[in-house]
Amino acid sequence: MPADMKEIIAQAAKTLLMEKHARKLTVKDIVEECRITRQTFYYHFEDIPALFRWMLERNTERTLQEAKAQGNGEARLRYLFGMAINTLPYMQKGLHGSYRDELEGLLTQYVQNLFEQMCDEEGLYRSCSRFEVRLILRYHSQAVIGLLRNWTEADTQNLDQIVHTVFRLMTEGISPIERKEIDRA
C-alpha cells in the first residue's frame, strides 16, 4: 500500500468533485475512483468530513510558510486570497453537496486559525485580551469568507484593491466619518 494513500484518497475526492461533477461525494465513489477497499478508506479517515478536515489541516502549515515568504502583512494577505481563489471551485462544489455544514465549519475554523497564527507571529493586537483577539479574528474570518462566497471575476480583476482595503480594515480600521468631520467635533 503506498505511503501517501491519504493523498491519493484526497486527490480522488478532488477529481470526483471537479472533473466528474459528482453531486454527492460518497465513500463508495471515492474507493471506486482510487481502486481501493472501503476498509482502506476507513483505515485512513473516519468519514468524508474527516477527509476534508485532513485536507485543510495539511494545507495550513504549508500555506502559512508560503505566506510568510511573501514579505509584509498585506502581501501575505494577498497570497492567502490568491490561495482561496484557486481553491474556490473545489469549495463551491463541496458546499453544494451533502457535507455543506461540516465543510463550512471547517473552512471558517481554517481561516480563523490562519489569521490567529499570523497575528501571533506578527505581534498584532497586543493591547487586546485573548478573548478580544479571538472575537476580532472571528469577525475578520467571517468577513473574508463572506467575500469569497460571492466572489466574481470582477473581484479577481480588483484583487489588489480588495486586499488593500481588507488589510486596512484589519490593521488600521477605516472610519466611516471623514477625518475633517472628526476634527470639527
C-alpha atoms as a PDB file:
ATOM      1  CA  MET A   1       0.000   0.000   0.000  1.00  0.00           C
ATOM      2  CA  PRO A   2       1.501   3.383  -0.964  1.00  0.00           C
ATOM      3  CA  ALA A   3       2.717   5.555   1.915  1.00  0.00           C
ATOM      4  CA  ASP A   4       0.787   8.516   0.561  1.00  0.00           C
ATOM      5  CA  MET A   5      -2.612   6.778   0.494  1.00  0.00           C
ATOM      6  CA  LYS A   6      -4.249   9.741   2.247  1.00  0.00           C
ATOM      7  CA  GLU A   7      -3.088  11.990  -0.568  1.00  0.00           C
ATOM      8  CA  ILE A   8      -4.362   9.523  -3.178  1.00  0.00           C
ATOM      9  CA  ILE A   9      -7.765   9.474  -1.479  1.00  0.00           C
ATOM     10  CA  ALA A  10      -7.817  13.285  -1.280  1.00  0.00           C
ATOM     11  CA  GLN A  11      -6.927  13.565  -4.963  1.00  0.00           C
ATOM     12  CA  ALA A  12      -9.725  11.171  -5.848  1.00  0.00           C
ATOM     13  CA  ALA A  13     -12.197  13.338  -3.917  1.00  0.00           C
ATOM     14  CA  LYS A  14     -10.993  16.423  -5.823  1.00  0.00           C
ATOM     15  CA  THR A  15     -11.278  14.585  -9.132  1.00  0.00           C
ATOM     16  CA  LEU A  16     -14.803  13.425  -8.371  1.00  0.00           C
ATOM     17  CA  LEU A  17     -15.886  16.933  -7.391  1.00  0.00           C
ATOM     18  CA  MET A  18     -14.264  18.798 -10.271  1.00  0.00           C
ATOM     19  CA  GLU A  19     -13.812  16.525 -13.243  1.00  0.00           C
ATOM     20  CA  LYS A  20     -16.644  14.078 -12.794  1.00  0.00           C
ATOM     21  CA  HIS A  21     -19.030  16.637 -11.279  1.00  0.00           C
ATOM     22  CA  ALA A  22     -20.240  14.358  -8.508  1.00  0.00           C
ATOM     23  CA  ARG A  23     -23.375  15.858  -6.955  1.00  0.00           C
ATOM     24  CA  LYS A  24     -22.888  13.960  -3.724  1.00  0.00           C
ATOM     25  CA  LEU A  25     -19.466  12.746  -2.694  1.00  0.00           C
ATOM     26  CA  THR A  26     -19.690   9.252  -1.244  1.00  0.00           C
ATOM     27  CA  VAL A  27     -17.164   6.822   0.174  1.00  0.00           C
ATOM     28  CA  LYS A  28     -18.282   4.319  -2.469  1.00  0.00           C
ATOM     29  CA  ASP A  29     -17.402   6.760  -5.254  1.00  0.00           C
ATOM     30  CA  ILE A  30     -14.033   7.596  -3.696  1.00  0.00           C
ATOM     31  CA  VAL A  31     -12.970   3.968  -3.220  1.00  0.00           C
ATOM     32  CA  GLU A  32     -14.002   3.129  -6.788  1.00  0.00           C
ATOM     33  CA  GLU A  33     -12.023   6.121  -8.093  1.00  0.00           C
ATOM     34  CA  CYS A  34      -8.943   5.037  -6.084  1.00  0.00           C
ATOM     35  CA  ARG A  35      -9.497   1.332  -6.711  1.00  0.00           C
ATOM     36  CA  ILE A  36      -9.175   0.604  -3.003  1.00  0.00           C
ATOM     37  CA  THR A  37     -11.443  -1.099  -0.494  1.00  0.00           C
ATOM     38  CA  ARG A  38     -13.824   0.667   1.858  1.00  0.00           C
ATOM     39  CA  GLN A  39     -11.714  -0.745   4.661  1.00  0.00           C
ATOM     40  CA  THR A  40      -8.692   1.110   3.299  1.00  0.00           C
ATOM     41  CA  PHE A  41     -10.635   4.360   3.194  1.00  0.00           C
ATOM     42  CA  TYR A  42     -11.878   3.896   6.768  1.00  0.00           C
ATOM     43  CA  TYR A  43      -8.382   2.947   7.926  1.00  0.00           C
ATOM     44  CA  HIS A  44      -7.225   6.440   6.935  1.00  0.00           C
ATOM     45  CA  PHE A  45     -10.374   8.517   7.536  1.00  0.00           C
ATOM     46  CA  GLU A  46     -13.348   8.193   9.848  1.00  0.00           C
ATOM     47  CA  ASP A  47     -15.683   9.703   7.247  1.00  0.00           C
ATOM     48  CA  ILE A  48     -15.777  12.278   4.457  1.00  0.00           C
ATOM     49  CA  PRO A  49     -15.779  15.322   6.792  1.00  0.00           C
ATOM     50  CA  ALA A  50     -12.612  13.853   8.368  1.00  0.00           C
ATOM     51  CA  LEU A  51     -11.122  13.692   4.858  1.00  0.00           C
ATOM     52  CA  PHE A  52     -11.999  17.386   4.307  1.00  0.00           C
ATOM     53  CA  ARG A  53     -10.524  18.260   7.713  1.00  0.00           C
ATOM     54  CA  TRP A  54      -7.289  16.441   6.866  1.00  0.00           C
ATOM     55  CA  MET A  55      -7.067  18.220   3.514  1.00  0.00           C
ATOM     56  CA  LEU A  56      -7.463  21.632   5.163  1.00  0.00           C
ATOM     57  CA  GLU A  57      -5.094  20.885   8.044  1.00  0.00           C
ATOM     58  CA  ARG A  58      -2.450  19.578   5.675  1.00  0.00           C
ATOM     59  CA  ASN A  59      -2.573  22.824   3.753  1.00  0.00           C
ATOM     60  CA  THR A  60      -2.484  25.081   6.833  1.00  0.00           C
ATOM     61  CA  GLU A  61       1.212  24.751   7.647  1.00  0.00           C
ATOM     62  CA  ARG A  62       2.290  24.866   4.020  1.00  0.00           C
ATOM     63  CA  THR A  63       0.091  27.904   3.371  1.00  0.00           C
ATOM     64  CA  LEU A  64       1.489  29.717   6.419  1.00  0.00           C
ATOM     65  CA  GLN A  65       5.084  29.031   5.382  1.00  0.00           C
ATOM     66  CA  GLU A  66       4.440  30.216   1.842  1.00  0.00           C
ATOM     67  CA  ALA A  67       2.576  33.289   3.103  1.00  0.00           C
ATOM     68  CA  LYS A  68       5.484  34.198   5.410  1.00  0.00           C
ATOM     69  CA  ALA A  69       7.804  34.216   2.427  1.00  0.00           C
ATOM     70  CA  GLN A  70       5.722  36.961   0.803  1.00  0.00           C
ATOM     71  CA  GLY A  71       7.128  39.780   2.925  1.00  0.00           C
ATOM     72  CA  ASN A  72       4.827  42.280   4.599  1.00  0.00           C
ATOM     73  CA  GLY A  73       1.361  41.677   6.025  1.00  0.00           C
ATOM     74  CA  GLU A  74      -0.526  42.971   3.010  1.00  0.00           C
ATOM     75  CA  ALA A  75       1.486  40.749   0.640  1.00  0.00           C
ATOM     76  CA  ARG A  76       0.752  37.794   2.927  1.00  0.00           C
ATOM     77  CA  LEU A  77      -2.961  38.573   2.894  1.00  0.00           C
ATOM     78  CA  ARG A  78      -2.866  38.838  -0.902  1.00  0.00           C
ATOM     79  CA  TYR A  79      -1.227  35.426  -1.048  1.00  0.00           C
ATOM     80  CA  LEU A  80      -3.961  33.953   1.185  1.00  0.00           C
ATOM     81  CA  PHE A  81      -6.649  35.482  -1.030  1.00  0.00           C
ATOM     82  CA  GLY A  82      -4.908  34.015  -4.085  1.00  0.00           C
ATOM     83  CA  MET A  83      -4.831  30.563  -2.490  1.00  0.00           C
ATOM     84  CA  ALA A  84      -8.507  30.863  -1.586  1.00  0.00           C
ATOM     85  CA  ILE A  85      -9.470  31.963  -5.097  1.00  0.00           C
ATOM     86  CA  ASN A  86      -7.612  28.975  -6.565  1.00  0.00           C
ATOM     87  CA  THR A  87      -9.478  26.560  -4.288  1.00  0.00           C
ATOM     88  CA  LEU A  88     -12.880  28.225  -4.711  1.00  0.00           C
ATOM     89  CA  PRO A  89     -14.099  25.779  -7.380  1.00  0.00           C
ATOM     90  CA  TYR A  90     -13.431  22.831  -5.036  1.00  0.00           C
ATOM     91  CA  MET A  91     -15.042  24.573  -2.097  1.00  0.00           C
ATOM     92  CA  GLN A  92     -18.101  25.633  -4.068  1.00  0.00           C
ATOM     93  CA  LYS A  93     -18.613  22.063  -5.279  1.00  0.00           C
ATOM     94  CA  GLY A  94     -18.208  20.754  -1.755  1.00  0.00           C
ATOM     95  CA  LEU A  95     -20.543  23.368  -0.295  1.00  0.00           C
ATOM     96  CA  HIS A  96     -23.285  22.323  -2.694  1.00  0.00           C
ATOM     97  CA  GLY A  97     -23.026  18.731  -1.528  1.00  0.00           C
ATOM     98  CA  SER A  98     -24.372  16.885   1.457  1.00  0.00           C
ATOM     99  CA  TYR A  99     -21.450  17.919   3.686  1.00  0.00           C
ATOM    100  CA  ARG A 100     -22.099  21.650   3.453  1.00  0.00           C
ATOM    101  CA  ASP A 101     -22.382  22.346   7.185  1.00  0.00           C
ATOM    102  CA  GLU A 102     -19.270  20.361   8.086  1.00  0.00           C
ATOM    103  CA  LEU A 103     -17.212  21.881   5.296  1.00  0.00           C
ATOM    104  CA  GLU A 104     -18.347  25.424   6.035  1.00  0.00           C
ATOM    105  CA  GLY A 105     -17.447  24.962   9.708  1.00  0.00           C
ATOM    106  CA  LEU A 106     -14.041  23.591   8.772  1.00  0.00           C
ATOM    107  CA  LEU A 107     -13.381  26.476   6.385  1.00  0.00           C
ATOM    108  CA  THR A 108     -14.339  29.032   8.997  1.00  0.00           C
ATOM    109  CA  GLN A 109     -12.054  27.419  11.560  1.00  0.00           C
ATOM    110  CA  TYR A 110      -9.252  27.100   8.988  1.00  0.00           C
ATOM    111  CA  VAL A 111      -9.343  30.797   8.072  1.00  0.00           C
ATOM    112  CA  GLN A 112      -9.608  31.834  11.709  1.00  0.00           C
ATOM    113  CA  ASN A 113      -6.631  29.614  12.646  1.00  0.00           C
ATOM    114  CA  LEU A 114      -4.562  31.079   9.809  1.00  0.00           C
ATOM    115  CA  PHE A 115      -5.350  34.610  10.960  1.00  0.00           C
ATOM    116  CA  GLU A 116      -4.634  33.715  14.591  1.00  0.00           C
ATOM    117  CA  GLN A 117      -1.248  32.198  13.791  1.00  0.00           C
ATOM    118  CA  MET A 118      -0.305  35.157  11.609  1.00  0.00           C
ATOM    119  CA  CYS A 119      -1.395  37.643  14.286  1.00  0.00           C
ATOM    120  CA  ASP A 120       0.608  35.804  16.938  1.00  0.00           C
ATOM    121  CA  GLU A 121       3.707  35.796  14.740  1.00  0.00           C
ATOM    122  CA  GLU A 122       3.293  39.459  13.760  1.00  0.00           C
ATOM    123  CA  GLY A 123       2.520  40.548  17.317  1.00  0.00           C
ATOM    124  CA  LEU A 124      -0.753  42.194  16.291  1.00  0.00           C
ATOM    125  CA  TYR A 125      -3.465  43.194  18.775  1.00  0.00           C
ATOM    126  CA  ARG A 126      -1.021  43.097  21.707  1.00  0.00           C
ATOM    127  CA  SER A 127      -3.144  45.518  23.702  1.00  0.00           C
ATOM    128  CA  CYS A 128      -6.196  43.240  23.429  1.00  0.00           C
ATOM    129  CA  SER A 129      -7.178  40.349  25.659  1.00  0.00           C
ATOM    130  CA  ARG A 130      -7.173  36.844  24.169  1.00  0.00           C
ATOM    131  CA  PHE A 131     -10.984  36.969  24.155  1.00  0.00           C
ATOM    132  CA  GLU A 132     -10.916  40.240  22.172  1.00  0.00           C
ATOM    133  CA  VAL A 133      -8.351  38.891  19.711  1.00  0.00           C
ATOM    134  CA  ARG A 134     -10.422  35.777  19.055  1.00  0.00           C
ATOM    135  CA  LEU A 135     -13.545  37.890  18.559  1.00  0.00           C
ATOM    136  CA  ILE A 136     -11.735  40.252  16.178  1.00  0.00           C
ATOM    137  CA  LEU A 137     -10.298  37.352  14.185  1.00  0.00           C
ATOM    138  CA  ARG A 138     -13.645  35.579  14.122  1.00  0.00           C
ATOM    139  CA  TYR A 139     -15.186  38.755  12.753  1.00  0.00           C
ATOM    140  CA  HIS A 140     -12.494  39.145  10.083  1.00  0.00           C
ATOM    141  CA  SER A 141     -12.543  35.474   9.077  1.00  0.00           C
ATOM    142  CA  GLN A 142     -16.331  35.599   8.617  1.00  0.00           C
ATOM    143  CA  ALA A 143     -15.976  38.777   6.560  1.00  0.00           C
ATOM    144  CA  VAL A 144     -13.351  37.217   4.285  1.00  0.00           C
ATOM    145  CA  ILE A 145     -15.397  34.025   3.874  1.00  0.00           C
ATOM    146  CA  GLY A 146     -18.415  36.183   3.030  1.00  0.00           C
ATOM    147  CA  LEU A 147     -16.414  37.970   0.343  1.00  0.00           C
ATOM    148  CA  LEU A 148     -15.190  34.680  -1.097  1.00  0.00           C
ATOM    149  CA  ARG A 149     -18.645  33.118  -1.005  1.00  0.00           C
ATOM    150  CA  ASN A 150     -19.854  35.671  -3.550  1.00  0.00           C
ATOM    151  CA  TRP A 151     -16.560  36.155  -5.395  1.00  0.00           C
ATOM    152  CA  THR A 152     -16.809  37.301  -9.002  1.00  0.00           C
ATOM    153  CA  GLU A 153     -14.481  37.686 -11.950  1.00  0.00           C
ATOM    154  CA  ALA A 154     -14.633  41.463 -11.401  1.00  0.00           C
ATOM    155  CA  ASP A 155     -13.376  40.862  -7.842  1.00  0.00           C
ATOM    156  CA  THR A 156     -10.436  38.909  -9.219  1.00  0.00           C
ATOM    157  CA  GLN A 157      -9.625  41.828 -11.509  1.00  0.00           C
ATOM    158  CA  ASN A 158      -9.724  44.163  -8.489  1.00  0.00           C
ATOM    159  CA  LEU A 159      -7.857  41.804  -6.175  1.00  0.00           C
ATOM    160  CA  ASP A 160      -5.118  44.264  -5.212  1.00  0.00           C
ATOM    161  CA  GLN A 161      -7.608  46.949  -4.241  1.00  0.00           C
ATOM    162  CA  ILE A 162      -9.745  44.459  -2.281  1.00  0.00           C
ATOM    163  CA  VAL A 163      -6.726  43.090  -0.419  1.00  0.00           C
ATOM    164  CA  HIS A 164      -5.501  46.608   0.370  1.00  0.00           C
ATOM    165  CA  THR A 165      -8.904  47.621   1.756  1.00  0.00           C
ATOM    166  CA  VAL A 166      -9.317  44.425   3.787  1.00  0.00           C
ATOM    167  CA  PHE A 167      -5.785  44.801   5.154  1.00  0.00           C
ATOM    168  CA  ARG A 168      -6.534  48.380   6.204  1.00  0.00           C
ATOM    169  CA  LEU A 169      -9.751  47.228   7.872  1.00  0.00           C
ATOM    170  CA  MET A 170      -7.848  44.544   9.760  1.00  0.00           C
ATOM    171  CA  THR A 171      -4.879  46.637  10.830  1.00  0.00           C
ATOM    172  CA  GLU A 172      -5.831  50.329  10.898  1.00  0.00           C
ATOM    173  CA  GLY A 173      -9.561  50.428  10.746  1.00  0.00           C
ATOM    174  CA  ILE A 174     -11.358  52.725   8.357  1.00  0.00           C
ATOM    175  CA  SER A 175     -13.517  55.372   9.904  1.00  0.00           C
ATOM    176  CA  PRO A 176     -16.996  55.806   8.457  1.00  0.00           C
ATOM    177  CA  ILE A 177     -16.612  59.514   9.205  1.00  0.00           C
ATOM    178  CA  GLU A 178     -14.180  61.614   7.209  1.00  0.00           C
ATOM    179  CA  ARG A 179     -11.231  62.923   9.171  1.00  0.00           C
ATOM    180  CA  LYS A 180     -12.429  66.544   8.714  1.00  0.00           C
ATOM    181  CA  GLU A 181     -15.739  65.705  10.414  1.00  0.00           C
ATOM    182  CA  ILE A 182     -13.901  64.199  13.379  1.00  0.00           C
ATOM    183  CA  ASP A 183     -11.663  67.278  13.700  1.00  0.00           C
ATOM    184  CA  ARG A 184     -14.687  69.608  13.698  1.00  0.00           C
ATOM    185  CA  ALA A 185     -16.408  67.760  16.530  1.00  0.00           C
END
